[in-house]
N, C-alpha and C. Protein backbone atom coordinates (compact mmCIF):
# COMPACT_ATOMS: atom_id res chain seq x y z
N MET A 1 -6.04 20.71 5.48
CA MET A 1 -6.87 19.65 4.95
C MET A 1 -6.68 18.40 5.81
N SER A 2 -7.77 17.72 6.10
CA SER A 2 -7.70 16.50 6.91
C SER A 2 -7.33 15.29 6.05
N LEU A 3 -6.93 14.22 6.70
CA LEU A 3 -6.63 12.98 5.98
C LEU A 3 -7.88 12.48 5.24
N HIS A 4 -9.03 12.60 5.87
CA HIS A 4 -10.29 12.19 5.24
C HIS A 4 -10.51 12.97 3.94
N GLU A 5 -10.32 14.29 4.00
CA GLU A 5 -10.49 15.13 2.81
C GLU A 5 -9.46 14.77 1.73
N ASP A 6 -8.22 14.52 2.14
CA ASP A 6 -7.20 14.12 1.18
C ASP A 6 -7.59 12.81 0.51
N ALA A 7 -8.08 11.85 1.29
CA ALA A 7 -8.47 10.56 0.73
C ALA A 7 -9.57 10.73 -0.31
N VAL A 8 -10.53 11.57 -0.03
CA VAL A 8 -11.62 11.82 -0.99
C VAL A 8 -11.05 12.43 -2.28
N LEU A 9 -10.17 13.41 -2.16
CA LEU A 9 -9.58 14.03 -3.35
C LEU A 9 -8.74 13.04 -4.15
N VAL A 10 -7.95 12.24 -3.47
CA VAL A 10 -7.12 11.24 -4.15
C VAL A 10 -8.00 10.26 -4.91
N LEU A 11 -9.04 9.78 -4.26
CA LEU A 11 -9.91 8.79 -4.90
C LEU A 11 -10.72 9.40 -6.04
N LYS A 12 -11.15 10.64 -5.90
CA LYS A 12 -11.89 11.30 -6.99
C LYS A 12 -11.02 11.46 -8.23
N SER A 13 -9.72 11.63 -8.05
CA SER A 13 -8.84 11.80 -9.19
C SER A 13 -8.29 10.48 -9.73
N TYR A 14 -8.56 9.38 -9.04
CA TYR A 14 -8.12 8.05 -9.48
C TYR A 14 -9.07 7.55 -10.55
N GLU A 15 -8.57 7.29 -11.75
CA GLU A 15 -9.45 6.98 -12.88
C GLU A 15 -9.66 5.50 -13.13
N ASP A 16 -8.85 4.63 -12.56
CA ASP A 16 -9.00 3.19 -12.78
C ASP A 16 -9.97 2.60 -11.77
N GLN A 17 -10.37 1.36 -12.00
CA GLN A 17 -11.22 0.61 -11.08
C GLN A 17 -12.43 1.45 -10.60
N PRO A 18 -13.24 1.98 -11.51
CA PRO A 18 -14.30 2.91 -11.11
C PRO A 18 -15.29 2.34 -10.10
N GLU A 19 -15.68 1.09 -10.22
CA GLU A 19 -16.65 0.55 -9.26
C GLU A 19 -16.06 0.50 -7.85
N LEU A 20 -14.82 0.05 -7.74
CA LEU A 20 -14.17 -0.02 -6.43
C LEU A 20 -13.90 1.38 -5.88
N ARG A 21 -13.46 2.27 -6.75
CA ARG A 21 -13.23 3.66 -6.34
C ARG A 21 -14.51 4.27 -5.78
N ASP A 22 -15.62 4.05 -6.47
CA ASP A 22 -16.89 4.60 -6.01
C ASP A 22 -17.31 4.00 -4.68
N LEU A 23 -17.03 2.72 -4.48
CA LEU A 23 -17.34 2.08 -3.20
C LEU A 23 -16.54 2.72 -2.07
N TYR A 24 -15.24 3.02 -2.32
CA TYR A 24 -14.41 3.71 -1.33
C TYR A 24 -15.00 5.09 -1.02
N LEU A 25 -15.40 5.82 -2.07
CA LEU A 25 -15.95 7.15 -1.87
C LEU A 25 -17.27 7.10 -1.10
N GLU A 26 -18.11 6.11 -1.38
CA GLU A 26 -19.36 5.95 -0.63
C GLU A 26 -19.06 5.66 0.85
N HIS A 27 -18.06 4.83 1.09
CA HIS A 27 -17.66 4.52 2.46
C HIS A 27 -17.24 5.79 3.19
N LEU A 28 -16.40 6.60 2.55
CA LEU A 28 -15.92 7.82 3.18
C LEU A 28 -17.04 8.84 3.38
N ALA A 29 -17.99 8.89 2.47
CA ALA A 29 -19.13 9.80 2.62
C ALA A 29 -20.00 9.39 3.80
N ALA A 30 -20.10 8.10 4.05
CA ALA A 30 -20.95 7.60 5.14
C ALA A 30 -20.23 7.56 6.49
N HIS A 31 -18.90 7.59 6.47
CA HIS A 31 -18.14 7.41 7.71
C HIS A 31 -17.04 8.47 7.83
N PRO A 32 -17.29 9.53 8.60
CA PRO A 32 -16.26 10.55 8.79
C PRO A 32 -14.97 10.00 9.40
N ASP A 33 -15.07 8.86 10.11
CA ASP A 33 -13.90 8.21 10.70
C ASP A 33 -13.39 7.06 9.82
N GLY A 34 -13.82 7.00 8.56
CA GLY A 34 -13.55 5.88 7.68
C GLY A 34 -12.12 5.66 7.27
N VAL A 35 -11.22 6.56 7.65
CA VAL A 35 -9.80 6.34 7.35
C VAL A 35 -9.07 5.69 8.53
N TYR A 36 -9.74 5.55 9.66
CA TYR A 36 -9.06 5.07 10.86
C TYR A 36 -9.54 3.69 11.31
N LYS A 37 -8.66 2.96 11.92
CA LYS A 37 -8.89 1.58 12.35
C LYS A 37 -10.15 1.39 13.21
N PRO A 38 -10.51 2.31 14.11
CA PRO A 38 -11.72 2.07 14.92
C PRO A 38 -13.03 2.01 14.13
N CYS A 39 -13.05 2.47 12.88
CA CYS A 39 -14.28 2.43 12.10
C CYS A 39 -14.63 0.97 11.79
N GLN A 40 -15.67 0.47 12.43
CA GLN A 40 -16.01 -0.95 12.32
C GLN A 40 -16.60 -1.35 10.98
N ALA A 41 -17.05 -0.39 10.19
CA ALA A 41 -17.56 -0.70 8.86
C ALA A 41 -16.42 -0.98 7.88
N GLY A 42 -15.20 -0.77 8.33
CA GLY A 42 -14.01 -0.90 7.50
C GLY A 42 -13.24 0.41 7.53
N HIS A 43 -12.03 0.38 7.03
CA HIS A 43 -11.23 1.59 7.06
C HIS A 43 -10.19 1.58 5.94
N VAL A 44 -9.83 2.78 5.54
CA VAL A 44 -8.82 2.98 4.50
C VAL A 44 -7.45 2.64 5.08
N THR A 45 -6.65 1.97 4.28
CA THR A 45 -5.25 1.70 4.63
C THR A 45 -4.39 2.20 3.47
N GLY A 46 -3.11 2.34 3.72
CA GLY A 46 -2.18 2.76 2.68
C GLY A 46 -1.04 1.78 2.58
N SER A 47 -0.66 1.44 1.36
CA SER A 47 0.45 0.51 1.18
C SER A 47 1.31 0.95 0.01
N ALA A 48 2.51 0.38 -0.03
CA ALA A 48 3.43 0.69 -1.13
C ALA A 48 4.25 -0.54 -1.46
N LEU A 49 4.31 -0.86 -2.73
CA LEU A 49 5.17 -1.92 -3.22
C LEU A 49 6.54 -1.31 -3.45
N VAL A 50 7.54 -1.77 -2.71
CA VAL A 50 8.90 -1.25 -2.85
C VAL A 50 9.58 -2.00 -3.98
N ILE A 51 10.00 -1.25 -5.01
CA ILE A 51 10.64 -1.88 -6.16
C ILE A 51 12.00 -1.26 -6.43
N ASP A 52 12.84 -2.06 -7.06
CA ASP A 52 14.17 -1.64 -7.48
C ASP A 52 14.23 -1.90 -8.98
N PRO A 53 13.78 -0.93 -9.80
CA PRO A 53 13.73 -1.16 -11.24
C PRO A 53 15.09 -1.45 -11.87
N ALA A 54 16.15 -0.88 -11.32
CA ALA A 54 17.48 -1.10 -11.89
C ALA A 54 17.89 -2.57 -11.81
N ARG A 55 17.42 -3.26 -10.78
CA ARG A 55 17.77 -4.69 -10.60
C ARG A 55 16.60 -5.62 -10.90
N GLY A 56 15.45 -5.05 -11.27
CA GLY A 56 14.29 -5.86 -11.62
C GLY A 56 13.78 -6.71 -10.47
N ARG A 57 13.63 -6.06 -9.30
CA ARG A 57 13.22 -6.82 -8.13
C ARG A 57 12.26 -6.01 -7.26
N VAL A 58 11.58 -6.74 -6.38
CA VAL A 58 10.59 -6.14 -5.49
C VAL A 58 10.88 -6.64 -4.07
N LEU A 59 10.70 -5.75 -3.09
CA LEU A 59 10.92 -6.10 -1.69
C LEU A 59 9.57 -6.42 -1.05
N LEU A 60 9.44 -7.64 -0.54
CA LEU A 60 8.22 -8.06 0.13
C LEU A 60 8.50 -8.41 1.58
N THR A 61 7.48 -8.26 2.40
CA THR A 61 7.58 -8.60 3.81
C THR A 61 6.74 -9.84 4.09
N LEU A 62 7.26 -10.72 4.90
CA LEU A 62 6.50 -11.88 5.35
C LEU A 62 5.73 -11.42 6.58
N HIS A 63 4.46 -11.13 6.39
CA HIS A 63 3.61 -10.53 7.42
C HIS A 63 3.51 -11.43 8.64
N LYS A 64 3.76 -10.84 9.80
CA LYS A 64 3.80 -11.61 11.05
C LYS A 64 2.46 -12.26 11.37
N LYS A 65 1.36 -11.56 11.22
CA LYS A 65 0.05 -12.10 11.57
C LYS A 65 -0.52 -13.00 10.49
N LEU A 66 -0.29 -12.65 9.23
CA LEU A 66 -0.92 -13.38 8.13
C LEU A 66 -0.05 -14.50 7.56
N GLY A 67 1.26 -14.43 7.78
CA GLY A 67 2.16 -15.45 7.23
C GLY A 67 2.20 -15.43 5.71
N MET A 68 1.99 -14.27 5.12
CA MET A 68 1.99 -14.13 3.65
C MET A 68 3.01 -13.07 3.23
N TRP A 69 3.57 -13.27 2.03
CA TRP A 69 4.45 -12.26 1.45
C TRP A 69 3.59 -11.15 0.86
N LEU A 70 3.77 -9.92 1.37
CA LEU A 70 2.95 -8.79 0.98
C LEU A 70 3.81 -7.55 0.75
N GLN A 71 3.20 -6.53 0.13
CA GLN A 71 3.82 -5.22 0.06
C GLN A 71 3.77 -4.59 1.45
N MET A 72 4.51 -3.53 1.65
CA MET A 72 4.50 -2.81 2.92
C MET A 72 3.19 -2.02 3.02
N GLY A 73 2.61 -1.97 4.21
CA GLY A 73 1.40 -1.19 4.33
C GLY A 73 0.78 -1.29 5.71
N GLY A 74 -0.19 -0.43 5.94
CA GLY A 74 -0.85 -0.47 7.23
C GLY A 74 -1.87 0.63 7.41
N HIS A 75 -2.20 0.84 8.67
CA HIS A 75 -3.28 1.74 9.06
C HIS A 75 -2.87 3.20 9.05
N CYS A 76 -3.86 4.03 8.81
CA CYS A 76 -3.69 5.47 8.94
C CYS A 76 -3.61 5.81 10.42
N GLU A 77 -2.77 6.77 10.75
CA GLU A 77 -2.61 7.21 12.13
C GLU A 77 -3.05 8.66 12.26
N THR A 78 -3.35 9.07 13.48
CA THR A 78 -3.91 10.41 13.68
C THR A 78 -2.99 11.53 13.20
N GLY A 79 -1.70 11.34 13.17
CA GLY A 79 -0.79 12.39 12.69
C GLY A 79 -0.64 12.43 11.18
N ASP A 80 -1.19 11.45 10.47
CA ASP A 80 -1.08 11.41 9.01
C ASP A 80 -1.97 12.47 8.39
N THR A 81 -1.48 13.10 7.32
CA THR A 81 -2.27 14.13 6.64
C THR A 81 -2.60 13.78 5.20
N THR A 82 -1.88 12.81 4.61
CA THR A 82 -2.14 12.40 3.23
C THR A 82 -2.03 10.89 3.10
N LEU A 83 -2.75 10.33 2.12
CA LEU A 83 -2.61 8.90 1.84
C LEU A 83 -1.21 8.57 1.33
N GLU A 84 -0.64 9.46 0.53
CA GLU A 84 0.74 9.26 0.09
C GLU A 84 1.68 9.16 1.29
N GLY A 85 1.46 10.02 2.27
CA GLY A 85 2.28 10.00 3.48
C GLY A 85 2.13 8.70 4.25
N VAL A 86 0.90 8.18 4.32
CA VAL A 86 0.67 6.90 4.99
C VAL A 86 1.46 5.80 4.28
N ALA A 87 1.33 5.72 2.96
CA ALA A 87 2.01 4.68 2.19
C ALA A 87 3.52 4.78 2.33
N LEU A 88 4.06 5.99 2.26
CA LEU A 88 5.50 6.17 2.37
C LEU A 88 5.99 5.85 3.79
N ARG A 89 5.25 6.30 4.80
CA ARG A 89 5.62 5.99 6.19
C ARG A 89 5.65 4.48 6.41
N GLU A 90 4.62 3.79 5.97
CA GLU A 90 4.56 2.34 6.14
C GLU A 90 5.70 1.65 5.39
N ALA A 91 5.98 2.11 4.18
CA ALA A 91 7.08 1.52 3.40
C ALA A 91 8.42 1.70 4.12
N GLU A 92 8.65 2.89 4.67
CA GLU A 92 9.90 3.14 5.39
C GLU A 92 9.98 2.30 6.67
N GLU A 93 8.88 2.29 7.44
CA GLU A 93 8.88 1.54 8.70
C GLU A 93 9.08 0.05 8.48
N GLU A 94 8.35 -0.52 7.54
CA GLU A 94 8.38 -1.97 7.37
C GLU A 94 9.57 -2.46 6.55
N SER A 95 10.14 -1.61 5.70
CA SER A 95 11.30 -2.04 4.91
C SER A 95 12.60 -1.76 5.64
N GLY A 96 12.57 -0.82 6.59
CA GLY A 96 13.79 -0.41 7.25
C GLY A 96 14.62 0.54 6.41
N ILE A 97 14.14 0.89 5.22
CA ILE A 97 14.84 1.84 4.35
C ILE A 97 14.39 3.23 4.77
N ALA A 98 15.20 3.87 5.60
CA ALA A 98 14.79 5.12 6.24
C ALA A 98 14.88 6.33 5.32
N HIS A 99 15.72 6.27 4.30
CA HIS A 99 15.93 7.43 3.43
C HIS A 99 15.98 6.99 1.98
N GLY A 100 15.40 7.81 1.13
CA GLY A 100 15.56 7.60 -0.30
C GLY A 100 14.40 6.95 -1.03
N LEU A 101 13.42 6.39 -0.31
CA LEU A 101 12.26 5.86 -1.01
C LEU A 101 11.46 7.03 -1.59
N THR A 102 11.02 6.90 -2.83
CA THR A 102 10.17 7.91 -3.44
C THR A 102 8.99 7.22 -4.10
N LEU A 103 7.82 7.81 -3.92
CA LEU A 103 6.63 7.22 -4.53
C LEU A 103 6.64 7.47 -6.03
N LEU A 104 6.22 6.47 -6.77
CA LEU A 104 6.06 6.59 -8.21
C LEU A 104 5.03 7.68 -8.48
N ALA A 105 5.36 8.59 -9.37
CA ALA A 105 4.47 9.71 -9.68
C ALA A 105 3.15 9.23 -10.27
N GLY A 106 2.13 10.04 -10.07
CA GLY A 106 0.85 9.74 -10.68
C GLY A 106 -0.20 9.22 -9.72
N GLY A 107 0.10 9.21 -8.44
CA GLY A 107 -0.88 8.78 -7.45
C GLY A 107 -0.94 7.28 -7.27
N PRO A 108 -2.06 6.79 -6.71
CA PRO A 108 -2.17 5.36 -6.43
C PRO A 108 -2.03 4.52 -7.70
N VAL A 109 -1.49 3.33 -7.52
CA VAL A 109 -1.34 2.39 -8.63
C VAL A 109 -2.57 1.49 -8.73
N ARG A 110 -3.11 1.09 -7.58
CA ARG A 110 -4.29 0.21 -7.54
C ARG A 110 -5.05 0.42 -6.25
N LEU A 111 -6.26 -0.13 -6.23
CA LEU A 111 -7.06 -0.25 -5.02
C LEU A 111 -7.28 -1.73 -4.77
N ASP A 112 -7.32 -2.12 -3.50
CA ASP A 112 -7.60 -3.52 -3.16
C ASP A 112 -8.44 -3.56 -1.90
N ARG A 113 -9.63 -4.11 -2.01
CA ARG A 113 -10.54 -4.25 -0.87
C ARG A 113 -10.52 -5.70 -0.44
N HIS A 114 -10.17 -5.94 0.84
CA HIS A 114 -10.14 -7.32 1.32
C HIS A 114 -10.73 -7.41 2.72
N PRO A 115 -11.40 -8.54 3.00
CA PRO A 115 -12.04 -8.71 4.31
C PRO A 115 -11.01 -8.90 5.41
N ILE A 116 -11.37 -8.44 6.60
CA ILE A 116 -10.54 -8.63 7.79
C ILE A 116 -11.43 -9.13 8.92
N PRO A 117 -10.85 -9.75 9.94
CA PRO A 117 -11.66 -10.28 11.04
C PRO A 117 -12.39 -9.19 11.83
N ALA A 118 -13.47 -9.59 12.47
CA ALA A 118 -14.25 -8.69 13.34
C ALA A 118 -13.33 -8.14 14.43
N PRO A 119 -13.60 -6.94 14.93
CA PRO A 119 -14.87 -6.21 14.80
C PRO A 119 -14.96 -5.38 13.52
N CYS A 120 -13.87 -5.20 12.81
CA CYS A 120 -13.94 -4.46 11.55
C CYS A 120 -14.30 -5.43 10.43
N ASN A 121 -14.68 -4.90 9.29
CA ASN A 121 -15.09 -5.76 8.19
C ASN A 121 -14.15 -5.73 7.00
N TRP A 122 -13.61 -4.55 6.68
CA TRP A 122 -12.85 -4.42 5.44
C TRP A 122 -11.64 -3.51 5.59
N HIS A 123 -10.59 -3.85 4.86
CA HIS A 123 -9.50 -2.93 4.57
C HIS A 123 -9.76 -2.39 3.17
N LEU A 124 -9.77 -1.10 3.04
CA LEU A 124 -9.91 -0.43 1.76
C LEU A 124 -8.52 0.13 1.43
N ASP A 125 -7.70 -0.72 0.84
CA ASP A 125 -6.29 -0.39 0.66
C ASP A 125 -6.07 0.47 -0.58
N VAL A 126 -5.36 1.57 -0.38
CA VAL A 126 -4.94 2.45 -1.47
C VAL A 126 -3.46 2.15 -1.68
N GLN A 127 -3.14 1.59 -2.85
CA GLN A 127 -1.82 1.04 -3.09
C GLN A 127 -0.97 1.93 -4.00
N TYR A 128 0.23 2.21 -3.53
CA TYR A 128 1.21 3.00 -4.26
C TYR A 128 2.41 2.11 -4.59
N ALA A 129 3.35 2.66 -5.32
CA ALA A 129 4.63 2.00 -5.56
C ALA A 129 5.73 2.95 -5.09
N ALA A 130 6.74 2.40 -4.42
CA ALA A 130 7.86 3.20 -3.93
C ALA A 130 9.14 2.71 -4.60
N LEU A 131 9.86 3.64 -5.18
CA LEU A 131 11.12 3.32 -5.84
C LEU A 131 12.24 3.35 -4.81
N ALA A 132 13.02 2.28 -4.76
CA ALA A 132 14.13 2.19 -3.82
C ALA A 132 15.40 2.74 -4.46
N PRO A 133 16.19 3.48 -3.71
CA PRO A 133 17.47 3.96 -4.25
C PRO A 133 18.45 2.80 -4.41
N ALA A 134 19.43 2.97 -5.28
CA ALA A 134 20.39 1.91 -5.56
C ALA A 134 21.11 1.42 -4.31
N GLU A 135 21.34 2.31 -3.36
CA GLU A 135 22.10 1.94 -2.16
C GLU A 135 21.21 1.48 -1.01
N ALA A 136 19.95 1.22 -1.28
CA ALA A 136 19.00 0.86 -0.22
C ALA A 136 19.43 -0.40 0.53
N VAL A 137 19.34 -0.32 1.85
CA VAL A 137 19.61 -1.47 2.71
C VAL A 137 18.36 -1.68 3.56
N GLU A 138 17.76 -2.85 3.43
CA GLU A 138 16.53 -3.15 4.16
C GLU A 138 16.86 -3.70 5.55
N ALA A 139 15.88 -3.64 6.44
CA ALA A 139 16.02 -4.18 7.79
C ALA A 139 14.65 -4.67 8.26
N ILE A 140 14.58 -5.84 8.80
CA ILE A 140 13.32 -6.43 9.24
C ILE A 140 12.75 -5.64 10.42
N SER A 141 11.45 -5.35 10.34
CA SER A 141 10.78 -4.62 11.43
C SER A 141 10.10 -5.61 12.37
N ASP A 142 9.54 -5.08 13.45
CA ASP A 142 8.81 -5.90 14.41
C ASP A 142 7.55 -6.51 13.81
N GLU A 143 7.07 -5.95 12.70
CA GLU A 143 5.84 -6.43 12.08
C GLU A 143 6.06 -7.56 11.08
N SER A 144 7.32 -7.91 10.85
CA SER A 144 7.64 -8.90 9.83
C SER A 144 8.35 -10.12 10.40
N LEU A 145 8.09 -11.25 9.77
CA LEU A 145 8.87 -12.44 10.07
C LEU A 145 10.13 -12.49 9.22
N ASP A 146 10.03 -11.90 8.03
CA ASP A 146 11.16 -11.88 7.10
C ASP A 146 10.95 -10.75 6.11
N LEU A 147 11.99 -10.40 5.42
CA LEU A 147 11.97 -9.34 4.42
C LEU A 147 12.92 -9.80 3.32
N ARG A 148 12.44 -9.80 2.08
CA ARG A 148 13.28 -10.36 1.03
C ARG A 148 13.00 -9.70 -0.31
N TRP A 149 14.07 -9.52 -1.10
CA TRP A 149 13.95 -9.05 -2.48
C TRP A 149 13.64 -10.26 -3.36
N PHE A 150 12.67 -10.10 -4.25
CA PHE A 150 12.32 -11.14 -5.21
C PHE A 150 12.40 -10.56 -6.62
N PRO A 151 13.01 -11.33 -7.55
CA PRO A 151 12.93 -10.90 -8.95
C PRO A 151 11.46 -10.82 -9.37
N TYR A 152 11.14 -9.90 -10.27
CA TYR A 152 9.76 -9.75 -10.72
C TYR A 152 9.12 -11.09 -11.08
N ALA A 153 9.87 -11.92 -11.81
CA ALA A 153 9.33 -13.18 -12.31
C ALA A 153 8.98 -14.17 -11.20
N GLU A 154 9.50 -13.99 -10.00
CA GLU A 154 9.24 -14.93 -8.90
C GLU A 154 8.08 -14.51 -7.99
N VAL A 155 7.56 -13.31 -8.16
CA VAL A 155 6.54 -12.80 -7.26
C VAL A 155 5.28 -13.66 -7.29
N ALA A 156 4.85 -14.08 -8.45
CA ALA A 156 3.63 -14.89 -8.57
C ALA A 156 3.74 -16.22 -7.82
N ALA A 157 4.95 -16.72 -7.65
CA ALA A 157 5.14 -18.01 -6.96
C ALA A 157 5.08 -17.87 -5.44
N VAL A 158 5.27 -16.65 -4.91
CA VAL A 158 5.31 -16.49 -3.46
C VAL A 158 4.18 -15.64 -2.89
N ALA A 159 3.57 -14.80 -3.72
CA ALA A 159 2.57 -13.84 -3.22
C ALA A 159 1.19 -14.14 -3.81
N ASP A 160 0.17 -13.56 -3.21
CA ASP A 160 -1.18 -13.76 -3.72
C ASP A 160 -1.46 -12.85 -4.91
N THR A 161 -2.63 -13.02 -5.50
CA THR A 161 -2.94 -12.30 -6.73
C THR A 161 -2.98 -10.78 -6.55
N SER A 162 -3.33 -10.31 -5.36
CA SER A 162 -3.37 -8.85 -5.17
C SER A 162 -1.98 -8.24 -5.32
N VAL A 163 -0.96 -8.93 -4.83
CA VAL A 163 0.41 -8.43 -4.97
C VAL A 163 0.87 -8.53 -6.42
N VAL A 164 0.50 -9.63 -7.07
CA VAL A 164 0.86 -9.80 -8.48
C VAL A 164 0.23 -8.70 -9.33
N ARG A 165 -1.04 -8.40 -9.09
CA ARG A 165 -1.71 -7.32 -9.84
C ARG A 165 -1.07 -5.97 -9.56
N LEU A 166 -0.69 -5.74 -8.31
CA LEU A 166 -0.03 -4.49 -7.96
C LEU A 166 1.31 -4.37 -8.68
N LEU A 167 2.07 -5.46 -8.74
CA LEU A 167 3.34 -5.44 -9.46
C LEU A 167 3.11 -5.18 -10.94
N GLU A 168 2.15 -5.86 -11.55
CA GLU A 168 1.86 -5.66 -12.97
C GLU A 168 1.48 -4.21 -13.26
N ALA A 169 0.62 -3.64 -12.43
CA ALA A 169 0.20 -2.25 -12.62
C ALA A 169 1.37 -1.30 -12.43
N THR A 170 2.24 -1.61 -11.48
CA THR A 170 3.43 -0.77 -11.24
C THR A 170 4.36 -0.82 -12.43
N LEU A 171 4.64 -2.00 -12.92
CA LEU A 171 5.56 -2.15 -14.08
C LEU A 171 5.01 -1.43 -15.30
N ALA A 172 3.69 -1.44 -15.48
CA ALA A 172 3.08 -0.76 -16.62
C ALA A 172 3.24 0.75 -16.53
N ARG A 173 3.44 1.28 -15.33
CA ARG A 173 3.58 2.73 -15.14
C ARG A 173 5.02 3.21 -15.09
N LEU A 174 5.97 2.28 -15.04
CA LEU A 174 7.38 2.71 -14.99
C LEU A 174 7.77 3.37 -16.30
N PRO A 175 8.57 4.42 -16.23
CA PRO A 175 9.03 5.06 -17.47
C PRO A 175 9.96 4.13 -18.25
N GLY A 176 9.94 4.29 -19.54
CA GLY A 176 10.85 3.53 -20.42
C GLY A 176 10.36 2.23 -20.67
């Protein structure tokens, strides 16, 4: 199965945000290359909010290009076969936590469509949550200016509404 086919299946089974989900599916139906960065009409990206439920905190990266505190995430690459794999790879690369991250069960937590500069138009982000192991040690990547754990209650003060919504949706899906 190709990454494009996986993306279609993941989105078809995603029950929240129906209008946005349908927009993603229309994009993929119209663009066979719609999961990759060269697609100028926009492209699917994968991200993951790294959380530590035991300590009530979230790991955010200060994005080098945007200067904003964000979840880990990025572009699909030619070797990727699943959106879950994209999100987990990006979370591992950008957090420096090489082992032990696991995606929260149940598929994507949210979708977020945001404009990007030309020549492309849109990022169609498929957002997951990644649970960090208790012994996780983060390390700043080349893509970040900083990397920091924030208590849940402080996220709204440092991040934009898309990250806040992702955290809220993640917390609503945590067991217990």
